[in-house]
Amino acid sequence: ASYRVADSVVNIISPLMPYFPLILAF
């Protein structure tokens, strides 16, 4: 549960997240 909290919150600010370029294209 602790891992899931930490894993989620950084996704949206990491340029290395696989979907980050797609969101930027949108």
mmCIF file of all heavy atoms, coordinates in Angstrom:
data_MODEL
# 
_entry.id   MODEL 
# 
loop_
_atom_site.group_PDB 
_atom_site.id 
_atom_site.type_symbol 
_atom_site.label_atom_id 
_atom_site.label_alt_id 
_atom_site.label_comp_id 
_atom_site.label_asym_id 
_atom_site.label_entity_id 
_atom_site.label_seq_id 
_atom_site.pdbx_PDB_ins_code 
_atom_site.Cartn_x 
_atom_site.Cartn_y 
_atom_site.Cartn_z 
_atom_site.occupancy 
_atom_site.B_iso_or_equiv 
_atom_site.pdbx_formal_charge 
_atom_site.auth_seq_id 
_atom_site.auth_comp_id 
_atom_site.auth_asym_id 
_atom_site.auth_atom_id 
_atom_site.pdbx_PDB_model_num 
ATOM 1   N N   . ALA A 1 1  ? 0.835  -1.208 0.000   1.00 0.00 ? 1  ALA A N   1 
ATOM 2   C CA  . ALA A 1 1  ? 0.000  0.000  0.000   1.00 0.00 ? 1  ALA A CA  1 
ATOM 3   C C   . ALA A 1 1  ? 0.868  1.256  0.000   1.00 0.00 ? 1  ALA A C   1 
ATOM 4   O O   . ALA A 1 1  ? 0.575  2.230  -0.713  1.00 0.00 ? 1  ALA A O   1 
ATOM 5   C CB  . ALA A 1 1  ? -0.931 -0.008 1.218   1.00 0.00 ? 1  ALA A CB  1 
ATOM 6   N N   . SER A 1 2  ? 1.932  1.248  0.785   1.00 0.00 ? 2  SER A N   1 
ATOM 7   C CA  . SER A 1 2  ? 2.837  2.403  0.833   1.00 0.00 ? 2  SER A CA  1 
ATOM 8   C C   . SER A 1 2  ? 3.503  2.605  -0.519  1.00 0.00 ? 2  SER A C   1 
ATOM 9   O O   . SER A 1 2  ? 3.662  3.740  -0.990  1.00 0.00 ? 2  SER A O   1 
ATOM 10  C CB  . SER A 1 2  ? 3.903  2.189  1.914   1.00 0.00 ? 2  SER A CB  1 
ATOM 11  O OG  . SER A 1 2  ? 3.309  1.978  3.187   1.00 0.00 ? 2  SER A OG  1 
ATOM 12  N N   . TYR A 1 3  ? 3.894  1.500  -1.130  1.00 0.00 ? 3  TYR A N   1 
ATOM 13  C CA  . TYR A 1 3  ? 4.502  1.586  -2.468  1.00 0.00 ? 3  TYR A CA  1 
ATOM 14  C C   . TYR A 1 3  ? 3.540  2.218  -3.468  1.00 0.00 ? 3  TYR A C   1 
ATOM 15  O O   . TYR A 1 3  ? 3.940  3.073  -4.275  1.00 0.00 ? 3  TYR A O   1 
ATOM 16  C CB  . TYR A 1 3  ? 4.898  0.191  -2.947  1.00 0.00 ? 3  TYR A CB  1 
ATOM 17  C CG  . TYR A 1 3  ? 5.295  0.165  -4.409  1.00 0.00 ? 3  TYR A CG  1 
ATOM 18  C CD1 . TYR A 1 3  ? 6.561  0.563  -4.803  1.00 0.00 ? 3  TYR A CD1 1 
ATOM 19  C CD2 . TYR A 1 3  ? 4.386  -0.215 -5.396  1.00 0.00 ? 3  TYR A CD2 1 
ATOM 20  C CE1 . TYR A 1 3  ? 6.926  0.577  -6.143  1.00 0.00 ? 3  TYR A CE1 1 
ATOM 21  C CE2 . TYR A 1 3  ? 4.743  -0.210 -6.728  1.00 0.00 ? 3  TYR A CE2 1 
ATOM 22  C CZ  . TYR A 1 3  ? 6.003  0.190  -7.102  1.00 0.00 ? 3  TYR A CZ  1 
ATOM 23  O OH  . TYR A 1 3  ? 6.346  0.209  -8.421  1.00 0.00 ? 3  TYR A OH  1 
ATOM 24  N N   . ARG A 1 4  ? 2.283  1.818  -3.423  1.00 0.00 ? 4  ARG A N   1 
ATOM 25  C CA  . ARG A 1 4  ? 1.308  2.312  -4.401  1.00 0.00 ? 4  ARG A CA  1 
ATOM 26  C C   . ARG A 1 4  ? 1.074  3.814  -4.258  1.00 0.00 ? 4  ARG A C   1 
ATOM 27  O O   . ARG A 1 4  ? 0.853  4.513  -5.252  1.00 0.00 ? 4  ARG A O   1 
ATOM 28  C CB  . ARG A 1 4  ? 0.001  1.530  -4.262  1.00 0.00 ? 4  ARG A CB  1 
ATOM 29  C CG  . ARG A 1 4  ? 0.161  0.050  -4.551  1.00 0.00 ? 4  ARG A CG  1 
ATOM 30  C CD  . ARG A 1 4  ? -1.123 -0.714 -4.432  1.00 0.00 ? 4  ARG A CD  1 
ATOM 31  N NE  . ARG A 1 4  ? -2.007 -0.425 -5.559  1.00 0.00 ? 4  ARG A NE  1 
ATOM 32  C CZ  . ARG A 1 4  ? -3.131 -1.099 -5.809  1.00 0.00 ? 4  ARG A CZ  1 
ATOM 33  N NH1 . ARG A 1 4  ? -3.490 -2.103 -5.014  1.00 0.00 ? 4  ARG A NH1 1 
ATOM 34  N NH2 . ARG A 1 4  ? -3.877 -0.784 -6.841  1.00 0.00 ? 4  ARG A NH2 1 
ATOM 35  N N   . VAL A 1 5  ? 1.092  4.296  -3.027  1.00 0.00 ? 5  VAL A N   1 
ATOM 36  C CA  . VAL A 1 5  ? 0.954  5.737  -2.809  1.00 0.00 ? 5  VAL A CA  1 
ATOM 37  C C   . VAL A 1 5  ? 2.119  6.479  -3.467  1.00 0.00 ? 5  VAL A C   1 
ATOM 38  O O   . VAL A 1 5  ? 1.923  7.434  -4.229  1.00 0.00 ? 5  VAL A O   1 
ATOM 39  C CB  . VAL A 1 5  ? 0.908  6.054  -1.295  1.00 0.00 ? 5  VAL A CB  1 
ATOM 40  C CG1 . VAL A 1 5  ? 0.999  7.565  -1.068  1.00 0.00 ? 5  VAL A CG1 1 
ATOM 41  C CG2 . VAL A 1 5  ? -0.374 5.507  -0.670  1.00 0.00 ? 5  VAL A CG2 1 
ATOM 42  N N   . ALA A 1 6  ? 3.341  6.034  -3.177  1.00 0.00 ? 6  ALA A N   1 
ATOM 43  C CA  . ALA A 1 6  ? 4.524  6.723  -3.697  1.00 0.00 ? 6  ALA A CA  1 
ATOM 44  C C   . ALA A 1 6  ? 4.612  6.619  -5.211  1.00 0.00 ? 6  ALA A C   1 
ATOM 45  O O   . ALA A 1 6  ? 4.976  7.589  -5.892  1.00 0.00 ? 6  ALA A O   1 
ATOM 46  C CB  . ALA A 1 6  ? 5.781  6.143  -3.050  1.00 0.00 ? 6  ALA A CB  1 
ATOM 47  N N   . ASP A 1 7  ? 4.288  5.452  -5.753  1.00 0.00 ? 7  ASP A N   1 
ATOM 48  C CA  . ASP A 1 7  ? 4.400  5.246  -7.199  1.00 0.00 ? 7  ASP A CA  1 
ATOM 49  C C   . ASP A 1 7  ? 3.456  6.156  -7.976  1.00 0.00 ? 7  ASP A C   1 
ATOM 50  O O   . ASP A 1 7  ? 3.785  6.616  -9.061  1.00 0.00 ? 7  ASP A O   1 
ATOM 51  C CB  . ASP A 1 7  ? 4.101  3.782  -7.528  1.00 0.00 ? 7  ASP A CB  1 
ATOM 52  C CG  . ASP A 1 7  ? 4.038  3.533  -9.020  1.00 0.00 ? 7  ASP A CG  1 
ATOM 53  O OD1 . ASP A 1 7  ? 5.075  3.703  -9.692  1.00 0.00 ? 7  ASP A OD1 1 
ATOM 54  O OD2 . ASP A 1 7  ? 2.949  3.188  -9.522  1.00 0.00 ? 7  ASP A OD2 1 
ATOM 55  N N   . SER A 1 8  ? 2.295  6.429  -7.412  1.00 0.00 ? 8  SER A N   1 
ATOM 56  C CA  . SER A 1 8  ? 1.268  7.186  -8.147  1.00 0.00 ? 8  SER A CA  1 
ATOM 57  C C   . SER A 1 8  ? 1.579  8.667  -8.257  1.00 0.00 ? 8  SER A C   1 
ATOM 58  O O   . SER A 1 8  ? 1.423  9.267  -9.331  1.00 0.00 ? 8  SER A O   1 
ATOM 59  C CB  . SER A 1 8  ? -0.095 7.002  -7.464  1.00 0.00 ? 8  SER A CB  1 
ATOM 60  O OG  . SER A 1 8  ? -0.498 5.653  -7.471  1.00 0.00 ? 8  SER A OG  1 
ATOM 61  N N   . VAL A 1 9  ? 2.019  9.268  -7.155  1.00 0.00 ? 9  VAL A N   1 
ATOM 62  C CA  . VAL A 1 9  ? 2.038  10.731 -7.097  1.00 0.00 ? 9  VAL A CA  1 
ATOM 63  C C   . VAL A 1 9  ? 3.122  11.361 -7.965  1.00 0.00 ? 9  VAL A C   1 
ATOM 64  O O   . VAL A 1 9  ? 3.018  12.541 -8.322  1.00 0.00 ? 9  VAL A O   1 
ATOM 65  C CB  . VAL A 1 9  ? 2.193  11.210 -5.635  1.00 0.00 ? 9  VAL A CB  1 
ATOM 66  C CG1 . VAL A 1 9  ? 1.011  10.749 -4.801  1.00 0.00 ? 9  VAL A CG1 1 
ATOM 67  C CG2 . VAL A 1 9  ? 3.499  10.701 -5.022  1.00 0.00 ? 9  VAL A CG2 1 
ATOM 68  N N   . VAL A 1 10 ? 4.165  10.599 -8.311  1.00 0.00 ? 10 VAL A N   1 
ATOM 69  C CA  . VAL A 1 10 ? 5.255  11.175 -9.111  1.00 0.00 ? 10 VAL A CA  1 
ATOM 70  C C   . VAL A 1 10 ? 5.007  11.012 -10.605 1.00 0.00 ? 10 VAL A C   1 
ATOM 71  O O   . VAL A 1 10 ? 5.597  11.724 -11.425 1.00 0.00 ? 10 VAL A O   1 
ATOM 72  C CB  . VAL A 1 10 ? 6.608  10.538 -8.709  1.00 0.00 ? 10 VAL A CB  1 
ATOM 73  C CG1 . VAL A 1 10 ? 7.768  11.120 -9.514  1.00 0.00 ? 10 VAL A CG1 1 
ATOM 74  C CG2 . VAL A 1 10 ? 6.873  10.742 -7.227  1.00 0.00 ? 10 VAL A CG2 1 
ATOM 75  N N   . ASN A 1 11 ? 4.111  10.092 -10.972 1.00 0.00 ? 11 ASN A N   1 
ATOM 76  C CA  . ASN A 1 11 ? 3.846  9.830  -12.397 1.00 0.00 ? 11 ASN A CA  1 
ATOM 77  C C   . ASN A 1 11 ? 3.592  11.103 -13.201 1.00 0.00 ? 11 ASN A C   1 
ATOM 78  O O   . ASN A 1 11 ? 4.072  11.269 -14.320 1.00 0.00 ? 11 ASN A O   1 
ATOM 79  C CB  . ASN A 1 11 ? 2.638  8.900  -12.547 1.00 0.00 ? 11 ASN A CB  1 
ATOM 80  C CG  . ASN A 1 11 ? 2.959  7.471  -12.175 1.00 0.00 ? 11 ASN A CG  1 
ATOM 81  O OD1 . ASN A 1 11 ? 4.111  7.060  -12.211 1.00 0.00 ? 11 ASN A OD1 1 
ATOM 82  N ND2 . ASN A 1 11 ? 1.945  6.706  -11.815 1.00 0.00 ? 11 ASN A ND2 1 
ATOM 83  N N   . ILE A 1 12 ? 2.795  11.986 -12.619 1.00 0.00 ? 12 ILE A N   1 
ATOM 84  C CA  . ILE A 1 12 ? 2.304  13.137 -13.378 1.00 0.00 ? 12 ILE A CA  1 
ATOM 85  C C   . ILE A 1 12 ? 3.341  14.243 -13.554 1.00 0.00 ? 12 ILE A C   1 
ATOM 86  O O   . ILE A 1 12 ? 3.102  15.204 -14.304 1.00 0.00 ? 12 ILE A O   1 
ATOM 87  C CB  . ILE A 1 12 ? 1.028  13.723 -12.730 1.00 0.00 ? 12 ILE A CB  1 
ATOM 88  C CG1 . ILE A 1 12 ? 1.251  13.972 -11.235 1.00 0.00 ? 12 ILE A CG1 1 
ATOM 89  C CG2 . ILE A 1 12 ? -0.145 12.798 -12.962 1.00 0.00 ? 12 ILE A CG2 1 
ATOM 90  C CD1 . ILE A 1 12 ? 0.048  14.566 -10.530 1.00 0.00 ? 12 ILE A CD1 1 
ATOM 91  N N   . ILE A 1 13 ? 4.486  14.126 -12.871 1.00 0.00 ? 13 ILE A N   1 
ATOM 92  C CA  . ILE A 1 13 ? 5.510  15.169 -13.043 1.00 0.00 ? 13 ILE A CA  1 
ATOM 93  C C   . ILE A 1 13 ? 6.815  14.595 -13.586 1.00 0.00 ? 13 ILE A C   1 
ATOM 94  O O   . ILE A 1 13 ? 7.819  15.311 -13.663 1.00 0.00 ? 13 ILE A O   1 
ATOM 95  C CB  . ILE A 1 13 ? 5.799  15.916 -11.718 1.00 0.00 ? 13 ILE A CB  1 
ATOM 96  C CG1 . ILE A 1 13 ? 6.284  14.948 -10.636 1.00 0.00 ? 13 ILE A CG1 1 
ATOM 97  C CG2 . ILE A 1 13 ? 4.566  16.684 -11.258 1.00 0.00 ? 13 ILE A CG2 1 
ATOM 98  C CD1 . ILE A 1 13 ? 6.785  15.641 -9.385  1.00 0.00 ? 13 ILE A CD1 1 
ATOM 99  N N   . SER A 1 14 ? 6.798  13.324 -13.978 1.00 0.00 ? 14 SER A N   1 
ATOM 100 C CA  . SER A 1 14 ? 8.016  12.716 -14.511 1.00 0.00 ? 14 SER A CA  1 
ATOM 101 C C   . SER A 1 14 ? 7.992  12.724 -16.040 1.00 0.00 ? 14 SER A C   1 
ATOM 102 O O   . SER A 1 14 ? 7.130  12.089 -16.651 1.00 0.00 ? 14 SER A O   1 
ATOM 103 C CB  . SER A 1 14 ? 8.159  11.276 -14.014 1.00 0.00 ? 14 SER A CB  1 
ATOM 104 O OG  . SER A 1 14 ? 9.233  10.633 -14.666 1.00 0.00 ? 14 SER A OG  1 
ATOM 105 N N   . PRO A 1 15 ? 8.914  13.418 -16.680 1.00 0.00 ? 15 PRO A N   1 
ATOM 106 C CA  . PRO A 1 15 ? 8.958  13.415 -18.147 1.00 0.00 ? 15 PRO A CA  1 
ATOM 107 C C   . PRO A 1 15 ? 9.233  12.032 -18.720 1.00 0.00 ? 15 PRO A C   1 
ATOM 108 O O   . PRO A 1 15 ? 9.025  11.803 -19.908 1.00 0.00 ? 15 PRO A O   1 
ATOM 109 C CB  . PRO A 1 15 ? 10.118 14.373 -18.469 1.00 0.00 ? 15 PRO A CB  1 
ATOM 110 C CG  . PRO A 1 15 ? 10.346 15.160 -17.228 1.00 0.00 ? 15 PRO A CG  1 
ATOM 111 C CD  . PRO A 1 15 ? 9.957  14.269 -16.089 1.00 0.00 ? 15 PRO A CD  1 
ATOM 112 N N   . LEU A 1 16 ? 9.714  11.116 -17.876 1.00 0.00 ? 16 LEU A N   1 
ATOM 113 C CA  . LEU A 1 16 ? 10.042 9.770  -18.335 1.00 0.00 ? 16 LEU A CA  1 
ATOM 114 C C   . LEU A 1 16 ? 8.854  8.827  -18.263 1.00 0.00 ? 16 LEU A C   1 
ATOM 115 O O   . LEU A 1 16 ? 8.963  7.671  -18.670 1.00 0.00 ? 16 LEU A O   1 
ATOM 116 C CB  . LEU A 1 16 ? 11.199 9.202  -17.510 1.00 0.00 ? 16 LEU A CB  1 
ATOM 117 C CG  . LEU A 1 16 ? 12.456 10.084 -17.488 1.00 0.00 ? 16 LEU A CG  1 
ATOM 118 C CD1 . LEU A 1 16 ? 13.513 9.462  -16.599 1.00 0.00 ? 16 LEU A CD1 1 
ATOM 119 C CD2 . LEU A 1 16 ? 12.986 10.276 -18.887 1.00 0.00 ? 16 LEU A CD2 1 
ATOM 120 N N   . MET A 1 17 ? 7.726  9.293  -17.713 1.00 0.00 ? 17 MET A N   1 
ATOM 121 C CA  . MET A 1 17 ? 6.520  8.470  -17.711 1.00 0.00 ? 17 MET A CA  1 
ATOM 122 C C   . MET A 1 17 ? 6.109  8.214  -19.163 1.00 0.00 ? 17 MET A C   1 
ATOM 123 O O   . MET A 1 17 ? 6.060  9.148  -19.965 1.00 0.00 ? 17 MET A O   1 
ATOM 124 C CB  . MET A 1 17 ? 5.401  9.206  -16.974 1.00 0.00 ? 17 MET A CB  1 
ATOM 125 C CG  . MET A 1 17 ? 4.306  8.285  -16.459 1.00 0.00 ? 17 MET A CG  1 
ATOM 126 S SD  . MET A 1 17 ? 2.976  8.021  -17.642 1.00 0.00 ? 17 MET A SD  1 
ATOM 127 C CE  . MET A 1 17 ? 2.148  9.593  -17.577 1.00 0.00 ? 17 MET A CE  1 
ATOM 128 N N   . PRO A 1 18 ? 5.856  6.956  -19.558 1.00 0.00 ? 18 PRO A N   1 
ATOM 129 C CA  . PRO A 1 18 ? 5.653  6.628  -20.981 1.00 0.00 ? 18 PRO A CA  1 
ATOM 130 C C   . PRO A 1 18 ? 4.601  7.476  -21.688 1.00 0.00 ? 18 PRO A C   1 
ATOM 131 O O   . PRO A 1 18 ? 4.739  7.751  -22.886 1.00 0.00 ? 18 PRO A O   1 
ATOM 132 C CB  . PRO A 1 18 ? 5.228  5.151  -20.934 1.00 0.00 ? 18 PRO A CB  1 
ATOM 133 C CG  . PRO A 1 18 ? 5.852  4.624  -19.684 1.00 0.00 ? 18 PRO A CG  1 
ATOM 134 C CD  . PRO A 1 18 ? 5.828  5.759  -18.712 1.00 0.00 ? 18 PRO A CD  1 
ATOM 135 N N   . TYR A 1 19 ? 3.570  7.900  -20.981 1.00 0.00 ? 19 TYR A N   1 
ATOM 136 C CA  . TYR A 1 19 ? 2.495  8.650  -21.634 1.00 0.00 ? 19 TYR A CA  1 
ATOM 137 C C   . TYR A 1 19 ? 2.696  10.162 -21.565 1.00 0.00 ? 19 TYR A C   1 
ATOM 138 O O   . TYR A 1 19 ? 1.867  10.915 -22.075 1.00 0.00 ? 19 TYR A O   1 
ATOM 139 C CB  . TYR A 1 19 ? 1.147  8.284  -21.004 1.00 0.00 ? 19 TYR A CB  1 
ATOM 140 C CG  . TYR A 1 19 ? 0.714  6.880  -21.332 1.00 0.00 ? 19 TYR A CG  1 
ATOM 141 C CD1 . TYR A 1 19 ? 0.890  5.845  -20.427 1.00 0.00 ? 19 TYR A CD1 1 
ATOM 142 C CD2 . TYR A 1 19 ? 0.139  6.584  -22.559 1.00 0.00 ? 19 TYR A CD2 1 
ATOM 143 C CE1 . TYR A 1 19 ? 0.517  4.550  -20.734 1.00 0.00 ? 19 TYR A CE1 1 
ATOM 144 C CE2 . TYR A 1 19 ? -0.246 5.295  -22.875 1.00 0.00 ? 19 TYR A CE2 1 
ATOM 145 C CZ  . TYR A 1 19 ? -0.058 4.288  -21.959 1.00 0.00 ? 19 TYR A CZ  1 
ATOM 146 O OH  . TYR A 1 19 ? -0.432 3.004  -22.270 1.00 0.00 ? 19 TYR A OH  1 
ATOM 147 N N   . PHE A 1 20 ? 3.769  10.602 -20.932 1.00 0.00 ? 20 PHE A N   1 
ATOM 148 C CA  . PHE A 1 20 ? 3.991  12.048 -20.794 1.00 0.00 ? 20 PHE A CA  1 
ATOM 149 C C   . PHE A 1 20 ? 4.055  12.751 -22.150 1.00 0.00 ? 20 PHE A C   1 
ATOM 150 O O   . PHE A 1 20 ? 3.412  13.799 -22.334 1.00 0.00 ? 20 PHE A O   1 
ATOM 151 C CB  . PHE A 1 20 ? 5.265  12.299 -19.988 1.00 0.00 ? 20 PHE A CB  1 
ATOM 152 C CG  . PHE A 1 20 ? 5.321  13.647 -19.341 1.00 0.00 ? 20 PHE A CG  1 
ATOM 153 C CD1 . PHE A 1 20 ? 4.844  13.844 -18.056 1.00 0.00 ? 20 PHE A CD1 1 
ATOM 154 C CD2 . PHE A 1 20 ? 5.847  14.740 -20.019 1.00 0.00 ? 20 PHE A CD2 1 
ATOM 155 C CE1 . PHE A 1 20 ? 4.894  15.096 -17.460 1.00 0.00 ? 20 PHE A CE1 1 
ATOM 156 C CE2 . PHE A 1 20 ? 5.897  15.986 -19.444 1.00 0.00 ? 20 PHE A CE2 1 
ATOM 157 C CZ  . PHE A 1 20 ? 5.422  16.166 -18.145 1.00 0.00 ? 20 PHE A CZ  1 
ATOM 158 N N   . PRO A 1 21 ? 4.799  12.216 -23.133 1.00 0.00 ? 21 PRO A N   1 
ATOM 159 C CA  . PRO A 1 21 ? 4.811  12.881 -24.449 1.00 0.00 ? 21 PRO A CA  1 
ATOM 160 C C   . PRO A 1 21 ? 3.432  12.935 -25.103 1.00 0.00 ? 21 PRO A C   1 
ATOM 161 O O   . PRO A 1 21 ? 3.106  13.914 -25.798 1.00 0.00 ? 21 PRO A O   1 
ATOM 162 C CB  . PRO A 1 21 ? 5.769  12.008 -25.272 1.00 0.00 ? 21 PRO A CB  1 
ATOM 163 C CG  . PRO A 1 21 ? 6.622  11.311 -24.272 1.00 0.00 ? 21 PRO A CG  1 
ATOM 164 C CD  . PRO A 1 21 ? 5.725  11.057 -23.100 1.00 0.00 ? 21 PRO A CD  1 
ATOM 165 N N   . LEU A 1 22 ? 2.614  11.899 -24.879 1.00 0.00 ? 22 LEU A N   1 
ATOM 166 C CA  . LEU A 1 22 ? 1.268  11.897 -25.454 1.00 0.00 ? 22 LEU A CA  1 
ATOM 167 C C   . LEU A 1 22 ? 0.414  13.004 -24.838 1.00 0.00 ? 22 LEU A C   1 
ATOM 168 O O   . LEU A 1 22 ? -0.308 13.718 -25.549 1.00 0.00 ? 22 LEU A O   1 
ATOM 169 C CB  . LEU A 1 22 ? 0.612  10.534 -25.218 1.00 0.00 ? 22 LEU A CB  1 
ATOM 170 C CG  . LEU A 1 22 ? -0.835 10.395 -25.705 1.00 0.00 ? 22 LEU A CG  1 
ATOM 171 C CD1 . LEU A 1 22 ? -0.911 10.522 -27.217 1.00 0.00 ? 22 LEU A CD1 1 
ATOM 172 C CD2 . LEU A 1 22 ? -1.421 9.063  -25.245 1.00 0.00 ? 22 LEU A CD2 1 
ATOM 173 N N   . ILE A 1 23 ? 0.497  13.157 -23.516 1.00 0.00 ? 23 ILE A N   1 
ATOM 174 C CA  . ILE A 1 23 ? -0.279 14.206 -22.838 1.00 0.00 ? 23 ILE A CA  1 
ATOM 175 C C   . ILE A 1 23 ? 0.172  15.583 -23.325 1.00 0.00 ? 23 ILE A C   1 
ATOM 176 O O   . ILE A 1 23 ? -0.641 16.495 -23.532 1.00 0.00 ? 23 ILE A O   1 
ATOM 177 C CB  . ILE A 1 23 ? -0.115 14.099 -21.312 1.00 0.00 ? 23 ILE A CB  1 
ATOM 178 C CG1 . ILE A 1 23 ? -0.409 12.687 -20.834 1.00 0.00 ? 23 ILE A CG1 1 
ATOM 179 C CG2 . ILE A 1 23 ? -1.022 15.107 -20.613 1.00 0.00 ? 23 ILE A CG2 1 
ATOM 180 C CD1 . ILE A 1 23 ? -1.752 12.149 -21.254 1.00 0.00 ? 23 ILE A CD1 1 
ATOM 181 N N   . LEU A 1 24 ? 1.483  15.730 -23.535 1.00 0.00 ? 24 LEU A N   1 
ATOM 182 C CA  . LEU A 1 24 ? 2.006  17.007 -24.040 1.00 0.00 ? 24 LEU A CA  1 
ATOM 183 C C   . LEU A 1 24 ? 1.484  17.276 -25.452 1.00 0.00 ? 24 LEU A C   1 
ATOM 184 O O   . LEU A 1 24 ? 1.161  18.424 -25.796 1.00 0.00 ? 24 LEU A O   1 
ATOM 185 C CB  . LEU A 1 24 ? 3.533  16.982 -24.031 1.00 0.00 ? 24 LEU A CB  1 
ATOM 186 C CG  . LEU A 1 24 ? 4.239  18.277 -24.430 1.00 0.00 ? 24 LEU A CG  1 
ATOM 187 C CD1 . LEU A 1 24 ? 3.813  19.432 -23.535 1.00 0.00 ? 24 LEU A CD1 1 
ATOM 188 C CD2 . LEU A 1 24 ? 5.751  18.100 -24.370 1.00 0.00 ? 24 LEU A CD2 1 
ATOM 189 N N   . ALA A 1 25 ? 1.357  16.230 -26.254 1.00 0.00 ? 25 ALA A N   1 
ATOM 190 C CA  . ALA A 1 25 ? 0.810  16.392 -27.605 1.00 0.00 ? 25 ALA A CA  1 
ATOM 191 C C   . ALA A 1 25 ? -0.648 16.847 -27.547 1.00 0.00 ? 25 ALA A C   1 
ATOM 192 O O   . ALA A 1 25 ? -1.077 17.695 -28.347 1.00 0.00 ? 25 ALA A O   1 
ATOM 193 C CB  . ALA A 1 25 ? 0.920  15.076 -28.372 1.00 0.00 ? 25 ALA A CB  1 
ATOM 194 N N   . PHE A 1 26 ? -1.409 16.299 -26.616 1.00 0.00 ? 26 PHE A N   1 
ATOM 195 C CA  . PHE A 1 26 ? -2.797 16.746 -26.437 1.00 0.00 ? 26 PHE A CA  1 
ATOM 196 C C   . PHE A 1 26 ? -2.828 18.225 -26.047 1.00 0.00 ? 26 PHE A C   1 
ATOM 197 O O   . PHE A 1 26 ? -3.673 18.996 -26.535 1.00 0.00 ? 26 PHE A O   1 
ATOM 198 C CB  . PHE A 1 26 ? -3.499 15.917 -25.357 1.00 0.00 ? 26 PHE A CB  1 
ATOM 199 C CG  . PHE A 1 26 ? -3.745 14.485 -25.735 1.00 0.00 ? 26 PHE A CG  1 
ATOM 200 C CD1 . PHE A 1 26 ? -3.714 13.481 -24.770 1.00 0.00 ? 26 PHE A CD1 1 
ATOM 201 C CD2 . PHE A 1 26 ? -4.023 14.131 -27.051 1.00 0.00 ? 26 PHE A CD2 1 
ATOM 202 C CE1 . PHE A 1 26 ? -3.951 12.150 -25.116 1.00 0.00 ? 26 PHE A CE1 1 
ATOM 203 C CE2 . PHE A 1 26 ? -4.258 12.806 -27.402 1.00 0.00 ? 26 PHE A CE2 1 
ATOM 204 C CZ  . PHE A 1 26 ? -4.228 11.824 -26.432 1.00 0.00 ? 26 PHE A CZ  1 
# 
